[in-house]
Amino acid sequence: MFYLGKKKDFKVLKKHLLKFYTGNNLDIEKSDNGYYEVKIVEDIGDDITVKFENMELVKKLIESKSKFIFASYKPLKKYKHKLMVDNLNNKPDRRYKFLKNGKPKYFYPPEGFDGYVYVNRKAKYREKISRKKVSIGAIIFHELYECYFIVDKNIEYMAGAHDMAVNKEYLLLHKLSKFNYSNFTVGSTGKILVKRYYV
């Protein structure tokens, strides 16, 4: 199941993540939990863009038994400092095994959800090494796929979830270049573990 923090997040999703999707079969419905559930309202069909990894991702999130939520207007978790990106899940994480109580509570998603991704829609994103601009669509795509791999495939971040999300980026970009689409830039410079930074 795939939810959005606000109704306006649906426009962000379509404008950036699903920029090249030409279908019109996605819609949202306000749920009892106050958030908006993304749904497939009719048959997706054979549109070539359905086979692109970005629509494949959204379809996986919608059909998942886990509950995912995405936000871009207002973070659903409160911190003392301002975050540009947040990616949380309810799975164990070996990165915190040396802490006395294991994974801290603030690294878990909002109550009622298995995975949570927040991407600040107003932030500007660049690669740490090349300093090239990275599109918001690429950030959303990577973070949601990474969250999906961790939650539904039980692959920890350190065990390959990040790398697998980067590989999905490359697959999507290959198809976009093949069909002459543009303005969706990958978040890696050929080195899998390149970190982004925000300005």
Foldseek 3Di string as FASTA:
>chain_A
DEWEADPCVVVVCCVFQVVPPPDDQWDWDQDPVRIIQIDGRDDPDDPPSCPFLSVVLVVCQNPDPFYEYEYADDDPADDPDDDQKAKAFDAFAPVQVPPPVGDDPSRHDPPPGGIYMYHHQPWWKAWPVPRHTATSNQVVQLRSQLNCCCRVVVQHPVRCSQLVSLVSLVRNVVVCVVVVHDDHDHRDPPDSPTDMDID
